[in-house]
Every structure is written in C-alpha cells, then in structure tokens.
C-alpha cells in the first residue's frame, strides 16, 4: 500500500514455532523488527517487538524505498540481524496544498497563486480552485481547473471578500483541499461617518450609537474607533472603543463632567477622517447626607 505494509518472517532454523521446550526447559523466543528509510546502511528504528511472525507497519510515506531487518531474541539473548530486505510503497494522491496566496488585486479582480504540494510518486497533472463567489455559507464552486499554479478572477465587486481553496490531482486521484482563505478586492476608505449619537447618560457612564458610513456594501467589514476627550483635561482625543458594533457604553467616567466624542471608520483600505464631535455630559450624583 501507499502508507502501510505487512511484514512476515520465519523463525531461525532449529527453533520451529511449535518447539517450546529444549532439553525439558521452556524457552522464550521473540523478534525485533527495525526499519530504515535512509538506505540499506542508514539508521534503523524499531517498529515491532514481540513473539508473532508478522506485523503491520503504518504511517509510511508513499513512493518511498524502505529497508527492513529482523533479530531473534532467545531468552533475552539478541541474535544477529537478518539481511536487510527492501520494499517500495505505492504512489498516492498528492498531499493537501497550502492555501493560495494573493499576488495582485484591483477593485474588480484577484490574482492568486499557489505552490505544488508533494506529489507522492505520481506527477501532479492539474489543480482545482474553488470559491464561494463572495456568498458566505453558500458552498464552493469551481472557478479554475488546469495545470497552471495561478489564476486571475475578474468582474468582481470592490471591497468584497471571496473565500478560496485549492486541491491537486495526479493519476492516482485528488488530494484534500487546502485550508480556506479569504481575499478582498480593493476598495475605497470609508466615507466620513456621522457623529455618534447619545442614547443615554448616567452618573459614571454614557451610551452612544452610530450608523455605518454611506457607500459601504452590506458584506464589507467596517471597524469603528470611538475617541474621547475630557473637558479641561488638557489632553487630546484618545481611543475608548474599537470594534464592529454600532453601540457602545463608556464606563468609569466622572459625574457632572463634559465629554467630547468622535468616530473613525476603518476597512481593509484604511481609516476615514474623524467625524464631527458630539458633546455630552454625565449626570450629577444625588447629594450626600447632611452633616450633623
């Protein structure tokens, strides 16, 4: 087989399998099988130790020359090695390729390339590239089949993610698919977002919400950075939240204090300019108990 082999051997002369007693004493005869993939004189490793006259070897490499030899161990005394016997595993389907790589992109095209995997003894004849057509969770369809290790896809949408995977084929069969990978076409940086809106203000917190910038597609991933500046603090704006949500509660604020907020939108192309500033205040706290 390509990745397994079944080995068998005969006992040493004079020690037939049924002979369990010599001069009235019981003996114990076991075997140690060693394997080399570095040639007849290479380093050998033990792959079996026991009393059986056969064993199965797993996890071999396809289309590889191996050498095997056996020792008999008689009452803990290890005999000399047998002559090494060679065998070659069968060829197999190729290994799974690595994920494709992006070599060039525009707003309407993606150019991908990939490396040839190990062919396992049979020359790779073709590659199968599949994609999701930009439709998440809709399954994969063939977008290229041929002997080249690159492909250009055109008539795509700008700033949109497309998921790809690739498999290799030889005369034995087709490999498994590579890990899936998402590539994005080029686009524009997000337009200037509107200022965040106040939802509610507490004594030590303020909840804000905002909307996606105009011109963004539904599939486009937009990340938002909410920046804050405290009244009379002497410092500029600094980030308070970064993420994809359209609402955020800012905690650990001071009571009865004015704060300024502004929003920045980002995508794979870059960051927008900051929005207009929203000015709002935290609520006052209830008075403490009067002194006696």
Protein backbone atom coordinates (compact mmCIF):
# COMPACT_ATOMS: atom_id res chain seq x y z
CA UNK A 1 0.00 0.00 0.00
CA UNK A 2 0.98 3.66 -0.11
CA UNK A 3 1.18 4.22 3.64
CA UNK A 4 1.08 0.73 5.17
CA UNK A 5 2.92 -2.57 4.74
CA UNK A 6 2.53 -6.11 6.09
CA UNK A 7 5.77 -7.88 7.02
CA UNK A 8 6.33 -11.57 7.85
CA UNK A 9 9.37 -13.71 8.60
CA UNK A 10 10.32 -17.27 9.51
CA UNK A 11 11.83 -18.35 12.86
CA UNK A 12 15.53 -19.24 12.99
CA UNK A 13 16.41 -22.75 11.88
CA UNK A 14 16.12 -25.21 14.74
CA UNK A 15 13.50 -23.07 16.51
CA UNK A 16 10.26 -24.00 14.89
CA UNK A 17 7.16 -22.27 16.13
CA UNK A 18 5.87 -25.33 17.92
CA UNK A 19 9.11 -26.07 19.76
CA UNK A 20 8.57 -24.51 23.14
CA UNK A 21 10.87 -26.83 25.13
CA UNK A 22 14.53 -27.66 24.74
CA UNK A 23 16.02 -30.33 26.99
CA UNK A 24 12.87 -30.15 29.09
CA UNK A 25 13.15 -26.41 29.65
CA UNK A 26 10.72 -23.88 28.21
CA UNK A 27 12.30 -21.16 26.13
CA UNK A 28 11.08 -17.75 25.06
CA UNK A 29 11.77 -16.53 21.53
CA UNK A 30 10.70 -13.05 20.38
CA UNK A 31 11.57 -10.84 17.46
CA UNK A 32 12.63 -7.24 16.95
CA UNK A 33 11.92 -5.68 13.55
CA UNK A 34 13.74 -2.50 12.52
CA UNK A 35 13.09 -0.18 9.56
CA UNK A 36 15.19 2.36 7.66
CA UNK A 37 14.13 5.00 5.14
CA UNK A 38 17.72 6.23 4.75
CA UNK A 39 19.04 3.36 2.64
CA UNK A 40 20.39 -0.10 3.45
CA UNK A 41 23.16 1.29 5.64
CA UNK A 42 21.09 4.11 7.16
CA UNK A 43 19.74 4.46 10.65
CA UNK A 44 17.17 1.83 11.63
CA UNK A 45 14.33 2.25 14.14
CA UNK A 46 12.37 -0.44 15.96
CA UNK A 47 8.85 -0.86 14.57
CA UNK A 48 7.88 -4.15 16.21
CA UNK A 49 8.88 -6.23 19.22
CA UNK A 50 7.02 -9.44 20.10
CA UNK A 51 6.57 -13.14 19.56
CA UNK A 52 4.47 -13.05 16.38
CA UNK A 53 5.91 -13.86 12.95
CA UNK A 54 4.28 -10.90 11.20
CA UNK A 55 3.43 -7.25 11.82
CA UNK A 56 1.68 -4.32 10.14
CA UNK A 57 3.57 -1.07 9.63
CA UNK A 58 1.64 2.21 9.46
CA UNK A 59 2.40 5.87 8.74
CA UNK A 60 4.75 5.17 5.85
CA UNK A 61 5.41 7.71 3.10
CA UNK A 62 4.14 6.95 -0.39
CA UNK A 63 6.61 6.14 -3.19
CA UNK A 64 9.47 5.64 -0.70
CA UNK A 65 12.16 2.97 -0.53
CA UNK A 66 12.39 1.20 2.83
CA UNK A 67 14.77 -1.43 4.20
CA UNK A 68 13.75 -3.82 6.95
CA UNK A 69 15.59 -6.44 9.01
CA UNK A 70 14.74 -8.71 11.94
CA UNK A 71 16.55 -10.02 15.04
CA UNK A 72 15.59 -13.05 17.09
CA UNK A 73 15.77 -12.64 20.86
CA UNK A 74 16.17 -16.01 22.63
CA UNK A 75 15.89 -15.99 26.43
CA UNK A 76 16.94 -12.29 26.46
CA UNK A 77 19.92 -13.04 24.21
CA UNK A 78 19.70 -10.98 20.99
CA UNK A 79 20.86 -12.68 17.82
CA UNK A 80 22.47 -11.02 14.81
CA UNK A 81 20.38 -9.15 12.25
CA UNK A 82 18.99 -10.78 9.18
CA UNK A 83 19.90 -9.48 5.76
CA UNK A 84 18.08 -6.25 5.01
CA UNK A 85 15.13 -6.62 2.64
CA UNK A 86 13.91 -3.64 0.63
CA UNK A 87 10.42 -2.67 -0.49
CA UNK A 88 8.86 0.42 -2.04
CA UNK A 89 5.49 1.82 -1.03
CA UNK A 90 2.94 2.56 -3.73
CA UNK A 91 2.33 6.03 -5.13
CA UNK A 92 -0.59 8.01 -3.73
CA UNK A 93 -2.71 11.09 -4.24
CA UNK A 94 -0.87 14.37 -3.64
CA UNK A 95 -0.60 15.93 -0.22
CA UNK A 96 -3.03 18.75 0.55
CA UNK A 97 -1.70 22.00 -0.89
CA UNK A 98 -1.12 25.08 1.23
CA UNK A 99 -3.67 27.87 0.93
CA UNK A 100 -3.45 30.07 -2.17
CA UNK A 101 -1.58 33.38 -1.90
CA UNK A 102 -2.69 36.75 -3.22
CA UNK A 103 -0.27 38.12 -5.83
CA UNK A 104 -2.31 41.09 -7.11
CA UNK A 105 -5.70 42.72 -6.65
CA UNK A 106 -7.77 45.55 -8.03
CA UNK A 107 -11.30 46.75 -7.31
CA UNK A 108 -12.67 44.15 -9.73
CA UNK A 109 -10.08 41.33 -9.85
CA UNK A 110 -7.99 38.97 -7.74
CA UNK A 111 -4.88 37.14 -8.93
CA UNK A 112 -3.97 34.06 -6.88
CA UNK A 113 -1.05 31.66 -6.97
CA UNK A 114 -0.16 28.50 -5.06
CA UNK A 115 2.71 26.08 -4.61
CA UNK A 116 2.80 22.47 -5.74
CA UNK A 117 2.43 20.02 -2.83
CA UNK A 118 4.33 16.75 -2.51
CA UNK A 119 3.14 14.56 -5.40
CA UNK A 120 3.71 11.24 -3.54
CA UNK A 121 5.27 9.50 -6.53
CA UNK A 122 2.81 10.44 -9.28
CA UNK A 123 3.25 13.71 -11.17
CA UNK A 124 0.62 16.35 -10.50
CA UNK A 125 -1.43 16.88 -13.65
CA UNK A 126 -3.93 19.58 -12.62
CA UNK A 127 -5.29 21.81 -9.88
CA UNK A 128 -8.85 22.54 -8.82
CA UNK A 129 -9.52 26.01 -7.41
CA UNK A 130 -12.89 26.62 -5.77
CA UNK A 131 -14.51 29.75 -4.32
CA UNK A 132 -17.68 30.83 -2.56
CA UNK A 133 -18.39 33.58 -5.14
CA UNK A 134 -18.38 36.06 -2.27
CA UNK A 135 -21.51 34.46 -0.80
CA UNK A 136 -20.77 33.33 2.72
CA UNK A 137 -22.05 29.89 3.78
CA UNK A 138 -23.29 29.13 0.26
CA UNK A 139 -20.84 26.32 -0.53
CA UNK A 140 -17.99 26.21 -3.03
CA UNK A 141 -17.96 26.14 -6.82
CA UNK A 142 -15.17 25.52 -9.30
CA UNK A 143 -13.56 28.68 -10.63
CA UNK A 144 -10.42 27.17 -12.22
CA UNK A 145 -9.26 23.73 -13.35
CA UNK A 146 -5.96 23.24 -15.15
CA UNK A 147 -2.23 22.67 -14.90
CA UNK A 148 -1.20 26.24 -14.04
CA UNK A 149 -0.46 27.33 -10.49
CA UNK A 150 -2.06 30.74 -10.79
CA UNK A 151 -5.45 32.17 -11.67
CA UNK A 152 -6.97 35.62 -12.25
CA UNK A 153 -10.64 36.21 -11.44
CA UNK A 154 -12.32 39.26 -12.92
CA UNK A 155 -15.67 41.11 -12.80
CA UNK A 156 -15.65 41.10 -9.00
CA UNK A 157 -17.18 43.64 -6.63
CA UNK A 158 -14.95 46.20 -4.90
CA UNK A 159 -14.06 45.89 -1.20
CA UNK A 160 -15.58 42.41 -1.02
CA UNK A 161 -14.23 39.20 0.49
CA UNK A 162 -14.01 35.97 -1.50
CA UNK A 163 -13.10 32.61 0.06
CA UNK A 164 -10.87 30.14 -1.84
CA UNK A 165 -9.46 26.63 -1.51
CA UNK A 166 -7.32 24.51 -3.83
CA UNK A 167 -6.72 20.78 -4.42
CA UNK A 168 -4.14 18.92 -6.54
CA UNK A 169 -4.72 15.93 -8.82
CA UNK A 170 -2.45 13.20 -10.20
CA UNK A 171 -3.05 9.85 -11.91
CA UNK A 172 -3.90 8.25 -8.56
CA UNK A 173 -6.58 10.73 -7.56
CA UNK A 174 -7.30 14.13 -6.00
CA UNK A 175 -5.84 15.48 -2.76
CA UNK A 176 -7.86 17.00 0.03
CA UNK A 177 -8.50 20.73 -0.15
CA UNK A 178 -6.17 23.30 1.30
CA UNK A 179 -7.28 25.40 4.28
CA UNK A 180 -9.77 28.05 3.21
CA UNK A 181 -8.57 31.64 2.90
CA UNK A 182 -10.39 34.94 2.33
CA UNK A 183 -9.06 37.61 -0.04
CA UNK A 184 -10.54 41.06 -0.53
CA UNK A 185 -10.74 43.13 -3.67
CA UNK A 186 -9.55 46.71 -3.40
CA UNK A 187 -11.98 49.43 -2.43
CA UNK A 188 -12.11 52.92 -1.03
CA UNK A 189 -11.57 54.00 2.54
CA UNK A 190 -14.90 54.58 4.31
CA UNK A 191 -16.60 57.92 3.82
CA UNK A 192 -16.69 60.37 6.71
CA UNK A 193 -19.06 58.86 9.31
CA UNK A 194 -21.74 60.88 11.04
CA UNK A 195 -21.06 61.90 14.62
CA UNK A 196 -22.07 59.38 17.28
CA UNK A 197 -25.49 59.91 18.90
CA UNK A 198 -26.27 59.98 22.60
CA UNK A 199 -28.54 57.15 23.73
CA UNK A 200 -28.41 57.72 27.47
CA UNK A 201 -26.10 59.22 30.07
CA UNK A 202 -25.63 58.06 33.65
CA UNK A 203 -23.58 59.31 36.55
CA UNK A 204 -20.42 57.43 35.51
CA UNK A 205 -21.30 56.16 32.03
CA UNK A 206 -22.53 57.27 28.61
CA UNK A 207 -24.10 55.05 25.94
CA UNK A 208 -23.59 56.08 22.31
CA UNK A 209 -24.68 54.67 18.97
CA UNK A 210 -23.80 55.33 15.32
CA UNK A 211 -24.56 54.20 11.77
CA UNK A 212 -22.47 52.70 9.01
CA UNK A 213 -20.91 55.25 6.66
CA UNK A 214 -22.67 55.79 3.36
CA UNK A 215 -21.40 53.80 0.38
CA UNK A 216 -20.41 50.68 2.34
CA UNK A 217 -21.65 47.36 0.98
CA UNK A 218 -23.51 45.01 3.30
CA UNK A 219 -20.67 42.44 3.09
CA UNK A 220 -17.89 44.95 3.81
CA UNK A 221 -16.34 44.66 7.26
CA UNK A 222 -16.15 48.07 8.96
CA UNK A 223 -14.31 48.62 12.23
CA UNK A 224 -15.12 51.64 14.36
CA UNK A 225 -12.88 53.58 16.72
CA UNK A 226 -14.66 55.79 19.26
CA UNK A 227 -12.41 58.53 20.60
CA UNK A 228 -12.98 60.55 23.76
CA UNK A 229 -11.75 63.85 25.18
CA UNK A 230 -12.47 65.01 28.72
CA UNK A 231 -13.38 68.62 29.46
CA UNK A 232 -10.49 70.79 30.65
CA UNK A 233 -8.23 67.75 30.85
CA UNK A 234 -5.51 69.24 28.70
CA UNK A 235 -5.15 66.07 26.60
CA UNK A 236 -6.34 65.35 23.09
CA UNK A 237 -8.68 62.65 21.84
CA UNK A 238 -7.74 59.05 22.61
CA UNK A 239 -9.41 55.73 21.67
CA UNK A 240 -12.04 54.37 24.06
CA UNK A 241 -13.54 51.58 21.91
CA UNK A 242 -12.51 49.69 18.77
CA UNK A 243 -14.75 47.06 17.21
CA UNK A 244 -17.53 46.28 14.75
CA UNK A 245 -20.52 47.10 16.98
CA UNK A 246 -22.77 50.10 16.31
CA UNK A 247 -23.33 50.86 20.00
CA UNK A 248 -21.01 51.29 22.96
CA UNK A 249 -21.26 52.13 26.65
CA UNK A 250 -18.29 54.09 28.00
CA UNK A 251 -17.77 53.41 31.72
CA UNK A 252 -15.66 54.81 34.57
CA UNK A 253 -16.45 58.46 33.80
CA UNK A 254 -16.65 61.36 36.23
CA UNK A 255 -20.00 62.72 37.39
CA UNK A 256 -21.30 66.05 36.07
CA UNK A 257 -18.48 66.22 33.52
CA UNK A 258 -18.49 67.23 29.88
CA UNK A 259 -17.02 64.80 27.36
CA UNK A 260 -16.41 65.04 23.65
CA UNK A 261 -16.69 62.03 21.34
CA UNK A 262 -15.86 61.45 17.69
CA UNK A 263 -15.91 58.37 15.43
CA UNK A 264 -13.45 56.93 12.89
CA UNK A 265 -14.42 54.14 10.44
CA UNK A 266 -11.85 51.68 9.03
CA UNK A 267 -11.78 48.93 6.39
CA UNK A 268 -9.06 46.97 4.61
CA UNK A 269 -8.11 50.09 2.64
CA UNK A 270 -7.56 52.41 5.58
CA UNK A 271 -9.18 54.84 8.03
CA UNK A 272 -11.63 57.64 7.46
CA UNK A 273 -11.20 61.12 8.86
CA UNK A 274 -12.77 61.71 12.29
CA UNK A 275 -16.46 62.58 12.37
CA UNK A 276 -17.95 65.74 13.75
CA UNK A 277 -17.69 65.98 17.55
CA UNK A 278 -20.52 65.05 19.91
CA UNK A 279 -20.53 66.93 23.22
CA UNK A 280 -22.44 65.44 26.15
CA UNK A 281 -22.36 65.35 29.95
CA UNK A 282 -22.59 62.72 32.63
CA UNK A 283 -25.38 63.14 35.17
CA UNK A 284 -24.90 64.67 38.62
CA UNK A 285 -24.95 62.38 41.61
CA UNK A 286 -27.50 62.70 44.39
CA UNK A 287 -26.25 64.78 47.34
CA UNK A 288 -24.66 63.06 50.28
CA UNK A 289 -26.18 63.04 53.77
CA UNK A 290 -26.05 66.37 55.58
CA UNK A 291 -23.54 66.82 58.37
CA UNK A 292 -24.74 66.87 61.92
